């Protein structure tokens, strides 16, 4: 979907189709609502689902494996991508996705994009335009079609602007420059394909907040993203809360099981198979004795324990 030109975009939801004239660089709130229609919570003014800050904070503490397993069970098989060079790899990246799509430059198209940018009062080069829409908790995710040489989407100047606005970082299927300067930004996390001293060249920014491809994953604006050393995973907003609570519960079980194995109270076979009533009771007492380890509310814990297949 290319929203920069007057191209008719066809959407289909629940068997209903309609046409929308795409005459802007950034997807409209109405367009974003179409492909995130399963989200029923609050939205940002730009139309993106607005998952709560509390859930984003908690997301940073779960593992990629737990998130991947949950999504796999729900039929979302194309949400994870690995193979990154990581800036500040010991810090988790978690936030709401803002997408940008880049393509190899073509003068007739690029000129129209730049003209539209002037009409929309956008400042500077087009690779800075997605930065202007960032808010606290957003993560700038860009499809740079894997270009590294002459594909450096940001340097340390734009990196400082990104972090000032978002307090998070970036995921670029492309390159960056000024690595030392980006590493010096305290808290900034980046997942990129490579580093190069060249400037961005022969690329055009074709869309902000459209669905994009990042390697083998599909990312939508308003998804949550979790980035750790294994790679990045994109979480549909409507699944985020239950994914996080389920993953937290699995984490609690693992903490309990690891502790009891170290203590020699149970055998690996007892912990790795369906738990007996005695182990379940021991787990419940462990939770009561360790309230600081429980990240979810009591109501959420009670609900997931009712649903859980032990």
C-alpha atoms as a PDB file:
ATOM      1  CA  UNK A   1       0.000   0.000   0.000  1.00  0.00           C
ATOM      2  CA  UNK A   2       1.565   3.293  -1.063  1.00  0.00           C
ATOM      3  CA  UNK A   3      -0.207   6.199   0.589  1.00  0.00           C
ATOM      4  CA  UNK A   4       1.915   8.986  -0.880  1.00  0.00           C
ATOM      5  CA  UNK A   5       0.193   9.058  -4.252  1.00  0.00           C
ATOM      6  CA  UNK A   6      -3.451   9.295  -5.267  1.00  0.00           C
ATOM      7  CA  UNK A   7      -3.758   5.566  -5.443  1.00  0.00           C
ATOM      8  CA  UNK A   8      -6.981   3.797  -4.563  1.00  0.00           C
ATOM      9  CA  UNK A   9      -6.335   1.500  -1.610  1.00  0.00           C
ATOM     10  CA  UNK A  10      -8.644  -1.446  -1.139  1.00  0.00           C
ATOM     11  CA  UNK A  11      -9.326  -2.669   2.375  1.00  0.00           C
ATOM     12  CA  UNK A  12     -11.439  -5.619   3.392  1.00  0.00           C
ATOM     13  CA  UNK A  13     -12.639  -6.309   6.918  1.00  0.00           C
ATOM     14  CA  UNK A  14     -15.113  -9.039   7.876  1.00  0.00           C
ATOM     15  CA  UNK A  15     -16.180  -9.416   4.254  1.00  0.00           C
ATOM     16  CA  UNK A  16     -16.873  -5.703   3.815  1.00  0.00           C
ATOM     17  CA  UNK A  17     -14.780  -3.735   1.342  1.00  0.00           C
ATOM     18  CA  UNK A  18     -14.486  -0.054   0.712  1.00  0.00           C
ATOM     19  CA  UNK A  19     -12.190   2.288  -1.192  1.00  0.00           C
ATOM     20  CA  UNK A  20     -10.195   5.133   0.314  1.00  0.00           C
ATOM     21  CA  UNK A  21      -8.322   7.721  -1.671  1.00  0.00           C
ATOM     22  CA  UNK A  22      -4.771   7.810  -0.326  1.00  0.00           C
ATOM     23  CA  UNK A  23      -3.615  11.365  -0.855  1.00  0.00           C
ATOM     24  CA  UNK A  24      -1.223  11.880   2.011  1.00  0.00           C
ATOM     25  CA  UNK A  25       2.170  10.747   3.210  1.00  0.00           C
ATOM     26  CA  UNK A  26       0.876   9.502   6.540  1.00  0.00           C
ATOM     27  CA  UNK A  27      -1.930   6.967   6.875  1.00  0.00           C
ATOM     28  CA  UNK A  28      -5.140   8.515   8.175  1.00  0.00           C
ATOM     29  CA  UNK A  29      -6.681   7.457  11.501  1.00  0.00           C
ATOM     30  CA  UNK A  30      -9.512   5.821   9.553  1.00  0.00           C
ATOM     31  CA  UNK A  31      -7.083   3.710   7.521  1.00  0.00           C
ATOM     32  CA  UNK A  32      -5.185   2.640  10.619  1.00  0.00           C
ATOM     33  CA  UNK A  33      -8.444   1.668  12.323  1.00  0.00           C
ATOM     34  CA  UNK A  34      -9.303  -0.656   9.445  1.00  0.00           C
ATOM     35  CA  UNK A  35      -6.306  -2.930   9.826  1.00  0.00           C
ATOM     36  CA  UNK A  36      -6.302  -2.718  13.639  1.00  0.00           C
ATOM     37  CA  UNK A  37     -10.068  -3.145  13.996  1.00  0.00           C
ATOM     38  CA  UNK A  38      -9.771  -5.955  16.573  1.00  0.00           C
ATOM     39  CA  UNK A  39      -8.413  -3.405  19.048  1.00  0.00           C
ATOM     40  CA  UNK A  40     -11.280  -1.943  21.085  1.00  0.00           C
ATOM     41  CA  UNK A  41      -9.349   0.205  23.549  1.00  0.00           C
ATOM     42  CA  UNK A  42      -8.173   3.832  23.411  1.00  0.00           C
ATOM     43  CA  UNK A  43      -6.307   5.184  20.416  1.00  0.00           C
ATOM     44  CA  UNK A  44      -3.740   7.858  19.796  1.00  0.00           C
ATOM     45  CA  UNK A  45      -5.059  10.856  17.820  1.00  0.00           C
ATOM     46  CA  UNK A  46      -3.251   9.452  14.762  1.00  0.00           C
ATOM     47  CA  UNK A  47      -5.420   6.331  14.991  1.00  0.00           C
ATOM     48  CA  UNK A  48      -2.875   3.901  16.410  1.00  0.00           C
ATOM     49  CA  UNK A  49      -3.999   1.596  19.229  1.00  0.00           C
ATOM     50  CA  UNK A  50      -2.733   2.943  22.537  1.00  0.00           C
ATOM     51  CA  UNK A  51      -1.734   0.056  24.751  1.00  0.00           C
ATOM     52  CA  UNK A  52      -1.125   1.314  28.302  1.00  0.00           C
ATOM     53  CA  UNK A  53       2.236   2.481  29.593  1.00  0.00           C
ATOM     54  CA  UNK A  54       1.970  -0.079  32.410  1.00  0.00           C
ATOM     55  CA  UNK A  55       1.756  -2.966  29.933  1.00  0.00           C
ATOM     56  CA  UNK A  56       4.729  -1.609  27.980  1.00  0.00           C
ATOM     57  CA  UNK A  57       6.750  -1.455  31.197  1.00  0.00           C
ATOM     58  CA  UNK A  58       5.820  -5.053  32.000  1.00  0.00           C
ATOM     59  CA  UNK A  59       6.500  -6.216  28.449  1.00  0.00           C
ATOM     60  CA  UNK A  60      10.171  -5.376  28.840  1.00  0.00           C
ATOM     61  CA  UNK A  61      10.453  -8.061  31.542  1.00  0.00           C
ATOM     62  CA  UNK A  62       9.103 -11.031  29.579  1.00  0.00           C
ATOM     63  CA  UNK A  63      11.150 -13.261  27.303  1.00  0.00           C
ATOM     64  CA  UNK A  64      11.078 -13.392  23.525  1.00  0.00           C
ATOM     65  CA  UNK A  65      10.335 -17.117  23.781  1.00  0.00           C
ATOM     66  CA  UNK A  66       7.240 -16.559  25.910  1.00  0.00           C
ATOM     67  CA  UNK A  67       5.903 -13.899  23.536  1.00  0.00           C
ATOM     68  CA  UNK A  68       6.711 -16.022  20.472  1.00  0.00           C
ATOM     69  CA  UNK A  69       5.010 -19.096  21.950  1.00  0.00           C
ATOM     70  CA  UNK A  70       1.828 -17.183  22.736  1.00  0.00           C
ATOM     71  CA  UNK A  71       1.625 -15.673  19.241  1.00  0.00           C
ATOM     72  CA  UNK A  72       2.378 -19.017  17.617  1.00  0.00           C
ATOM     73  CA  UNK A  73      -0.527 -20.574  19.489  1.00  0.00           C
ATOM     74  CA  UNK A  74      -2.791 -17.806  18.188  1.00  0.00           C
ATOM     75  CA  UNK A  75      -1.753 -18.408  14.580  1.00  0.00           C
ATOM     76  CA  UNK A  76       0.593 -15.412  14.271  1.00  0.00           C
ATOM     77  CA  UNK A  77       3.591 -17.097  12.685  1.00  0.00           C
ATOM     78  CA  UNK A  78       5.362 -14.112  11.098  1.00  0.00           C
ATOM     79  CA  UNK A  79       6.054 -11.709  13.951  1.00  0.00           C
ATOM     80  CA  UNK A  80       9.710 -12.370  14.851  1.00  0.00           C
ATOM     81  CA  UNK A  81      12.910 -11.293  13.107  1.00  0.00           C
ATOM     82  CA  UNK A  82      16.531 -11.984  14.074  1.00  0.00           C
ATOM     83  CA  UNK A  83      19.946 -11.233  12.611  1.00  0.00           C
ATOM     84  CA  UNK A  84      20.498  -7.708  13.930  1.00  0.00           C
ATOM     85  CA  UNK A  85      23.402  -5.542  14.932  1.00  0.00           C
ATOM     86  CA  UNK A  86      22.298  -4.073  18.247  1.00  0.00           C
ATOM     87  CA  UNK A  87      23.102  -0.746  19.866  1.00  0.00           C
ATOM     88  CA  UNK A  88      23.094  -1.169  23.664  1.00  0.00           C
ATOM     89  CA  UNK A  89      22.071  -4.863  23.578  1.00  0.00           C
ATOM     90  CA  UNK A  90      21.744  -5.305  27.347  1.00  0.00           C
ATOM     91  CA  UNK A  91      18.683  -3.042  27.502  1.00  0.00           C
ATOM     92  CA  UNK A  92      15.275  -4.295  26.347  1.00  0.00           C
ATOM     93  CA  UNK A  93      13.400  -2.303  23.722  1.00  0.00           C
ATOM     94  CA  UNK A  94       9.652  -2.066  24.348  1.00  0.00           C
ATOM     95  CA  UNK A  95       7.077   0.360  23.014  1.00  0.00           C
ATOM     96  CA  UNK A  96       4.336   1.200  20.506  1.00  0.00           C
ATOM     97  CA  UNK A  97       5.277   0.953  16.857  1.00  0.00           C
ATOM     98  CA  UNK A  98       5.434   3.907  14.471  1.00  0.00           C
ATOM     99  CA  UNK A  99       6.204   2.586  10.994  1.00  0.00           C
ATOM    100  CA  UNK A 100       7.960   4.104   8.003  1.00  0.00           C
ATOM    101  CA  UNK A 101       8.499   2.617   4.584  1.00  0.00           C
ATOM    102  CA  UNK A 102      11.449   3.416   2.312  1.00  0.00           C
ATOM    103  CA  UNK A 103      11.990   2.429  -1.295  1.00  0.00           C
ATOM    104  CA  UNK A 104      14.730   2.887  -3.897  1.00  0.00           C
ATOM    105  CA  UNK A 105      14.394   6.438  -5.164  1.00  0.00           C
ATOM    106  CA  UNK A 106      12.558   7.088  -8.404  1.00  0.00           C
ATOM    107  CA  UNK A 107      12.562  10.767  -9.429  1.00  0.00           C
ATOM    108  CA  UNK A 108       8.965  11.093 -10.609  1.00  0.00           C
ATOM    109  CA  UNK A 109       7.624   9.537  -7.405  1.00  0.00           C
ATOM    110  CA  UNK A 110      10.172  11.193  -5.111  1.00  0.00           C
ATOM    111  CA  UNK A 111       9.323  14.637  -6.477  1.00  0.00           C
ATOM    112  CA  UNK A 112       5.629  14.091  -5.724  1.00  0.00           C
ATOM    113  CA  UNK A 113       6.462  13.008  -2.182  1.00  0.00           C
ATOM    114  CA  UNK A 114       8.584  16.096  -1.595  1.00  0.00           C
ATOM    115  CA  UNK A 115       5.864  18.340  -3.034  1.00  0.00           C
ATOM    116  CA  UNK A 116       3.291  16.753  -0.749  1.00  0.00           C
ATOM    117  CA  UNK A 117       5.652  17.201   2.194  1.00  0.00           C
ATOM    118  CA  UNK A 118       5.800  20.938   1.511  1.00  0.00           C
ATOM    119  CA  UNK A 119       1.998  21.126   1.361  1.00  0.00           C
ATOM    120  CA  UNK A 120       1.823  19.305   4.707  1.00  0.00           C
ATOM    121  CA  UNK A 121       4.466  21.685   6.137  1.00  0.00           C
ATOM    122  CA  UNK A 122       6.959  18.905   6.820  1.00  0.00           C
ATOM    123  CA  UNK A 123      10.475  20.099   7.567  1.00  0.00           C
ATOM    124  CA  UNK A 124      13.860  18.802   6.476  1.00  0.00           C
ATOM    125  CA  UNK A 125      14.667  15.605   4.611  1.00  0.00           C
ATOM    126  CA  UNK A 126      11.985  12.958   4.389  1.00  0.00           C
ATOM    127  CA  UNK A 127      13.909  10.524   6.601  1.00  0.00           C
ATOM    128  CA  UNK A 128      13.281  12.943   9.488  1.00  0.00           C
ATOM    129  CA  UNK A 129       9.508  13.133   8.943  1.00  0.00           C
ATOM    130  CA  UNK A 130       8.651   9.946  10.882  1.00  0.00           C
ATOM    131  CA  UNK A 131      10.604  11.331  13.840  1.00  0.00           C
ATOM    132  CA  UNK A 132       8.282  14.336  14.010  1.00  0.00           C
ATOM    133  CA  UNK A 133       5.296  12.117  14.893  1.00  0.00           C
ATOM    134  CA  UNK A 134       6.992  10.229  17.744  1.00  0.00           C
ATOM    135  CA  UNK A 135       5.707  10.458  21.311  1.00  0.00           C
ATOM    136  CA  UNK A 136       6.951   9.000  24.578  1.00  0.00           C
ATOM    137  CA  UNK A 137       6.798   5.228  24.416  1.00  0.00           C
ATOM    138  CA  UNK A 138       6.883   5.022  20.607  1.00  0.00           C
ATOM    139  CA  UNK A 139       9.470   3.006  18.688  1.00  0.00           C
ATOM    140  CA  UNK A 140      10.463   4.105  15.180  1.00  0.00           C
ATOM    141  CA  UNK A 141      10.366   0.989  12.959  1.00  0.00           C
ATOM    142  CA  UNK A 142      11.477   1.383   9.336  1.00  0.00           C
ATOM    143  CA  UNK A 143      11.581  -0.845   6.288  1.00  0.00           C
ATOM    144  CA  UNK A 144      14.791   0.305   4.622  1.00  0.00           C
ATOM    145  CA  UNK A 145      14.816  -2.749   2.293  1.00  0.00           C
ATOM    146  CA  UNK A 146      18.052  -3.922   3.909  1.00  0.00           C
ATOM    147  CA  UNK A 147      20.187  -1.138   2.457  1.00  0.00           C
ATOM    148  CA  UNK A 148      23.323  -0.295   4.484  1.00  0.00           C
ATOM    149  CA  UNK A 149      25.748   1.557   2.184  1.00  0.00           C
ATOM    150  CA  UNK A 150      24.006   4.849   1.329  1.00  0.00           C
ATOM    151  CA  UNK A 151      21.112   3.490   3.360  1.00  0.00           C
ATOM    152  CA  UNK A 152      21.900   5.095   6.716  1.00  0.00           C
ATOM    153  CA  UNK A 153      18.503   6.268   7.921  1.00  0.00           C
ATOM    154  CA  UNK A 154      19.877   8.222  10.894  1.00  0.00           C
ATOM    155  CA  UNK A 155      23.067   9.464  12.494  1.00  0.00           C
ATOM    156  CA  UNK A 156      23.589  10.738  16.016  1.00  0.00           C
ATOM    157  CA  UNK A 157      21.741  14.042  15.438  1.00  0.00           C
ATOM    158  CA  UNK A 158      18.507  12.301  14.462  1.00  0.00           C
ATOM    159  CA  UNK A 159      19.187   9.653  17.081  1.00  0.00           C
ATOM    160  CA  UNK A 160      19.228  12.280  19.812  1.00  0.00           C
ATOM    161  CA  UNK A 161      15.944  13.684  18.496  1.00  0.00           C
ATOM    162  CA  UNK A 162      14.370  10.223  18.436  1.00  0.00           C
ATOM    163  CA  UNK A 163      15.356   9.502  22.009  1.00  0.00           C
ATOM    164  CA  UNK A 164      14.277  12.938  23.241  1.00  0.00           C
ATOM    165  CA  UNK A 165      10.791  12.330  21.829  1.00  0.00           C
ATOM    166  CA  UNK A 166      10.314   8.612  22.498  1.00  0.00           C
ATOM    167  CA  UNK A 167      12.712   7.567  25.281  1.00  0.00           C
ATOM    168  CA  UNK A 168      13.107   4.254  23.423  1.00  0.00           C
ATOM    169  CA  UNK A 169      14.967   3.574  20.174  1.00  0.00           C
ATOM    170  CA  UNK A 170      14.667   2.208  16.653  1.00  0.00           C
ATOM    171  CA  UNK A 171      14.342  -0.915  14.519  1.00  0.00           C
ATOM    172  CA  UNK A 172      15.701  -0.349  11.007  1.00  0.00           C
ATOM    173  CA  UNK A 173      15.851  -2.891   8.215  1.00  0.00           C
ATOM    174  CA  UNK A 174      18.642  -0.689   6.925  1.00  0.00           C
ATOM    175  CA  UNK A 175      21.767   1.073   8.090  1.00  0.00           C
ATOM    176  CA  UNK A 176      22.847   3.830  10.447  1.00  0.00           C
ATOM    177  CA  UNK A 177      25.914   6.077  10.743  1.00  0.00           C
ATOM    178  CA  UNK A 178      27.657   7.753  13.732  1.00  0.00           C
ATOM    179  CA  UNK A 179      27.664   4.576  15.825  1.00  0.00           C
ATOM    180  CA  UNK A 180      29.794   6.054  18.606  1.00  0.00           C
ATOM    181  CA  UNK A 181      27.458   9.011  18.940  1.00  0.00           C
ATOM    182  CA  UNK A 182      24.384   6.762  19.063  1.00  0.00           C
ATOM    183  CA  UNK A 183      25.984   4.495  21.664  1.00  0.00           C
ATOM    184  CA  UNK A 184      26.590   7.570  23.808  1.00  0.00           C
ATOM    185  CA  UNK A 185      22.838   8.303  24.076  1.00  0.00           C
ATOM    186  CA  UNK A 186      22.003   6.883  27.508  1.00  0.00           C
ATOM    187  CA  UNK A 187      19.013   4.559  27.158  1.00  0.00           C
ATOM    188  CA  UNK A 188      18.873   4.508  23.351  1.00  0.00           C
ATOM    189  CA  UNK A 189      18.458   1.006  21.866  1.00  0.00           C
ATOM    190  CA  UNK A 190      18.814   0.216  18.184  1.00  0.00           C
ATOM    191  CA  UNK A 191      18.309  -2.880  16.050  1.00  0.00           C
ATOM    192  CA  UNK A 192      19.833  -2.278  12.609  1.00  0.00           C
ATOM    193  CA  UNK A 193      21.296  -4.249   9.708  1.00  0.00           C
ATOM    194  CA  UNK A 194      24.670  -2.550   9.702  1.00  0.00           C
ATOM    195  CA  UNK A 195      26.833   0.540  10.117  1.00  0.00           C
ATOM    196  CA  UNK A 196      28.364   2.694   7.411  1.00  0.00           C
ATOM    197  CA  UNK A 197      29.886   6.203   7.277  1.00  0.00           C
ATOM    198  CA  UNK A 198      27.940   7.095   4.120  1.00  0.00           C
ATOM    199  CA  UNK A 199      24.932   9.418   3.969  1.00  0.00           C
ATOM    200  CA  UNK A 200      21.473   8.323   2.912  1.00  0.00           C
ATOM    201  CA  UNK A 201      21.249   8.402  -0.873  1.00  0.00           C
ATOM    202  CA  UNK A 202      18.861   7.233  -3.597  1.00  0.00           C
ATOM    203  CA  UNK A 203      16.132   6.349  -1.104  1.00  0.00           C
ATOM    204  CA  UNK A 204      12.662   7.829  -0.695  1.00  0.00           C
ATOM    205  CA  UNK A 205      10.328   7.687   2.282  1.00  0.00           C
ATOM    206  CA  UNK A 206       7.007   6.515   0.858  1.00  0.00           C
ATOM    207  CA  UNK A 207       4.705   6.111   3.847  1.00  0.00           C
ATOM    208  CA  UNK A 208       4.329   6.752   7.579  1.00  0.00           C
ATOM    209  CA  UNK A 209       2.182   4.388   9.654  1.00  0.00           C
ATOM    210  CA  UNK A 210       1.411   1.827   6.971  1.00  0.00           C
ATOM    211  CA  UNK A 211       1.795  -1.923   7.407  1.00  0.00           C
ATOM    212  CA  UNK A 212       5.407  -2.808   6.623  1.00  0.00           C
ATOM    213  CA  UNK A 213       7.642  -5.830   6.275  1.00  0.00           C
ATOM    214  CA  UNK A 214      10.681  -6.230   8.540  1.00  0.00           C
ATOM    215  CA  UNK A 215      12.523  -9.293   7.254  1.00  0.00           C
ATOM    216  CA  UNK A 216      10.152 -12.218   7.812  1.00  0.00           C
ATOM    217  CA  UNK A 217       7.841 -10.216  10.079  1.00  0.00           C
ATOM    218  CA  UNK A 218       4.870  -7.948   9.429  1.00  0.00           C
ATOM    219  CA  UNK A 219       4.561  -4.827  11.591  1.00  0.00           C
ATOM    220  CA  UNK A 220       1.546  -2.563  11.965  1.00  0.00           C
ATOM    221  CA  UNK A 221       1.402   0.909  13.510  1.00  0.00           C
ATOM    222  CA  UNK A 222       0.280   0.551  17.117  1.00  0.00           C
ATOM    223  CA  UNK A 223       1.709  -2.956  17.530  1.00  0.00           C
ATOM    224  CA  UNK A 224       3.865  -3.433  20.592  1.00  0.00           C
ATOM    225  CA  UNK A 225       7.463  -4.343  19.925  1.00  0.00           C
ATOM    226  CA  UNK A 226       9.776  -6.289  22.195  1.00  0.00           C
ATOM    227  CA  UNK A 227      13.463  -6.293  21.305  1.00  0.00           C
ATOM    228  CA  UNK A 228      16.109  -8.349  23.095  1.00  0.00           C
ATOM    229  CA  UNK A 229      19.400  -9.944  22.105  1.00  0.00           C
ATOM    230  CA  UNK A 230      17.622 -12.778  20.249  1.00  0.00           C
ATOM    231  CA  UNK A 231      15.796 -10.320  17.978  1.00  0.00           C
ATOM    232  CA  UNK A 232      12.541  -8.351  17.770  1.00  0.00           C
ATOM    233  CA  UNK A 233       8.929  -9.477  17.934  1.00  0.00           C
ATOM    234  CA  UNK A 234       5.845  -7.500  16.907  1.00  0.00           C
ATOM    235  CA  UNK A 235       2.745  -8.011  19.053  1.00  0.00           C
ATOM    236  CA  UNK A 236      -0.725  -7.079  17.747  1.00  0.00           C
ATOM    237  CA  UNK A 237      -2.296  -4.563  20.111  1.00  0.00           C
ATOM    238  CA  UNK A 238      -5.453  -6.604  20.685  1.00  0.00           C
ATOM    239  CA  UNK A 239      -3.373  -9.540  21.951  1.00  0.00           C
ATOM    240  CA  UNK A 240      -0.922  -7.544  24.047  1.00  0.00           C
ATOM    241  CA  UNK A 241      -2.575  -7.614  27.465  1.00  0.00           C
ATOM    242  CA  UNK A 242      -3.328 -11.332  27.521  1.00  0.00           C
ATOM    243  CA  UNK A 243       0.078 -12.144  26.042  1.00  0.00           C
ATOM    244  CA  UNK A 244       1.835 -10.175  28.761  1.00  0.00           C
ATOM    245  CA  UNK A 245      -0.229 -11.639  31.602  1.00  0.00           C
ATOM    246  CA  UNK A 246       0.172 -15.182  30.255  1.00  0.00           C
ATOM    247  CA  UNK A 247       3.913 -14.706  29.823  1.00  0.00           C
ATOM    248  CA  UNK A 248       4.224 -13.273  33.325  1.00  0.00           C
ATOM    249  CA  UNK A 249       2.424 -16.311  34.708  1.00  0.00           C
ATOM    250  CA  UNK A 250       4.760 -18.641  32.832  1.00  0.00           C
ATOM    251  CA  UNK A 251       7.648 -16.655  34.277  1.00  0.00           C
ATOM    252  CA  UNK A 252       6.299 -17.131  37.802  1.00  0.00           C
ATOM    253  CA  UNK A 253       5.977 -20.872  37.250  1.00  0.00           C
ATOM    254  CA  UNK A 254       9.544 -20.975  35.981  1.00  0.00           C
ATOM    255  CA  UNK A 255      10.887 -19.028  38.970  1.00  0.00           C
ATOM    256  CA  UNK A 256       9.083 -21.363  41.358  1.00  0.00           C
ATOM    257  CA  UNK A 257      10.132 -24.493  39.478  1.00  0.00           C
ATOM    258  CA  UNK A 258      13.781 -23.423  39.220  1.00  0.00           C
ATOM    259  CA  UNK A 259      13.902 -22.636  42.920  1.00  0.00           C
ATOM    260  CA  UNK A 260      12.381 -25.953  43.927  1.00  0.00           C
ATOM    261  CA  UNK A 261      14.746 -27.841  41.591  1.00  0.00           C
ATOM    262  CA  UNK A 262      17.760 -26.096  43.122  1.00  0.00           C
ATOM    263  CA  UNK A 263      16.428 -26.999  46.568  1.00  0.00           C
ATOM    264  CA  UNK A 264      15.990 -30.608  45.478  1.00  0.00           C
ATOM    265  CA  UNK A 265      12.352 -30.658  46.562  1.00  0.00           C
ATOM    266  CA  UNK A 266      11.081 -31.990  43.215  1.00  0.00           C
ATOM    267  CA  UNK A 267      12.588 -33.921  40.359  1.00  0.00           C
ATOM    268  CA  UNK A 268      12.839 -32.481  36.825  1.00  0.00           C
ATOM    269  CA  UNK A 269      10.192 -34.952  35.715  1.00  0.00           C
ATOM    270  CA  UNK A 270       7.756 -33.654  38.316  1.00  0.00           C
ATOM    271  CA  UNK A 271       8.260 -30.036  37.298  1.00  0.00           C
ATOM    272  CA  UNK A 272       8.274 -30.619  33.529  1.00  0.00           C
ATOM    273  CA  UNK A 273       5.003 -32.531  33.380  1.00  0.00           C
ATOM    274  CA  UNK A 274       1.480 -31.626  34.553  1.00  0.00           C
ATOM    275  CA  UNK A 275       1.746 -30.618  38.192  1.00  0.00           C
ATOM    276  CA  UNK A 276       0.203 -32.642  40.966  1.00  0.00           C
ATOM    277  CA  UNK A 277      -2.244 -31.031  43.371  1.00  0.00           C
ATOM    278  CA  UNK A 278       0.530 -30.931  45.973  1.00  0.00           C
ATOM    279  CA  UNK A 279       2.844 -28.959  43.676  1.00  0.00           C
ATOM    280  CA  UNK A 280       0.001 -26.592  42.748  1.00  0.00           C
ATOM    281  CA  UNK A 281      -0.673 -25.947  46.431  1.00  0.00           C
ATOM    282  CA  UNK A 282       3.033 -25.358  47.035  1.00  0.00           C
ATOM    283  CA  UNK A 283       3.093 -22.906  44.126  1.00  0.00           C
ATOM    284  CA  UNK A 284       0.117 -20.987  45.513  1.00  0.00           C
ATOM    285  CA  UNK A 285       1.809 -20.709  48.887  1.00  0.00           C
ATOM    286  CA  UNK A 286       5.021 -19.556  47.178  1.00  0.00           C
ATOM    287  CA  UNK A 287       3.065 -16.780  45.471  1.00  0.00           C
ATOM    288  CA  UNK A 288       1.595 -15.672  48.811  1.00  0.00           C
ATOM    289  CA  UNK A 289       5.078 -15.669  50.337  1.00  0.00           C
ATOM    290  CA  UNK A 290       6.558 -13.652  47.429  1.00  0.00           C
ATOM    291  CA  UNK A 291       4.054 -10.904  46.528  1.00  0.00           C
ATOM    292  CA  UNK A 292       6.817  -8.698  45.145  1.00  0.00           C
ATOM    293  CA  UNK A 293       7.447 -11.226  42.368  1.00  0.00           C
ATOM    294  CA  UNK A 294       3.847 -11.033  41.082  1.00  0.00           C
ATOM    295  CA  UNK A 295       3.522  -8.319  38.374  1.00  0.00           C
ATOM    296  CA  UNK A 296      -0.188  -8.720  37.620  1.00  0.00           C
ATOM    297  CA  UNK A 297      -3.216  -7.832  39.741  1.00  0.00           C
ATOM    298  CA  UNK A 298      -4.864 -10.429  41.981  1.00  0.00           C
ATOM    299  CA  UNK A 299      -7.881 -10.449  39.664  1.00  0.00           C
ATOM    300  CA  UNK A 300      -5.693 -11.119  36.650  1.00  0.00           C
ATOM    301  CA  UNK A 301      -3.824 -13.859  38.482  1.00  0.00           C
ATOM    302  CA  UNK A 302      -7.058 -15.527  39.608  1.00  0.00           C
ATOM    303  CA  UNK A 303      -8.451 -15.416  36.072  1.00  0.00           C
ATOM    304  CA  UNK A 304      -5.426 -16.919  34.374  1.00  0.00           C
ATOM    305  CA  UNK A 305      -5.201 -19.660  36.988  1.00  0.00           C
ATOM    306  CA  UNK A 306      -8.787 -20.609  36.176  1.00  0.00           C
ATOM    307  CA  UNK A 307      -7.968 -20.735  32.465  1.00  0.00           C
ATOM    308  CA  UNK A 308      -4.585 -22.378  32.807  1.00  0.00           C
ATOM    309  CA  UNK A 309      -4.082 -25.958  31.652  1.00  0.00           C
ATOM    310  CA  UNK A 310      -1.772 -27.195  34.390  1.00  0.00           C
END
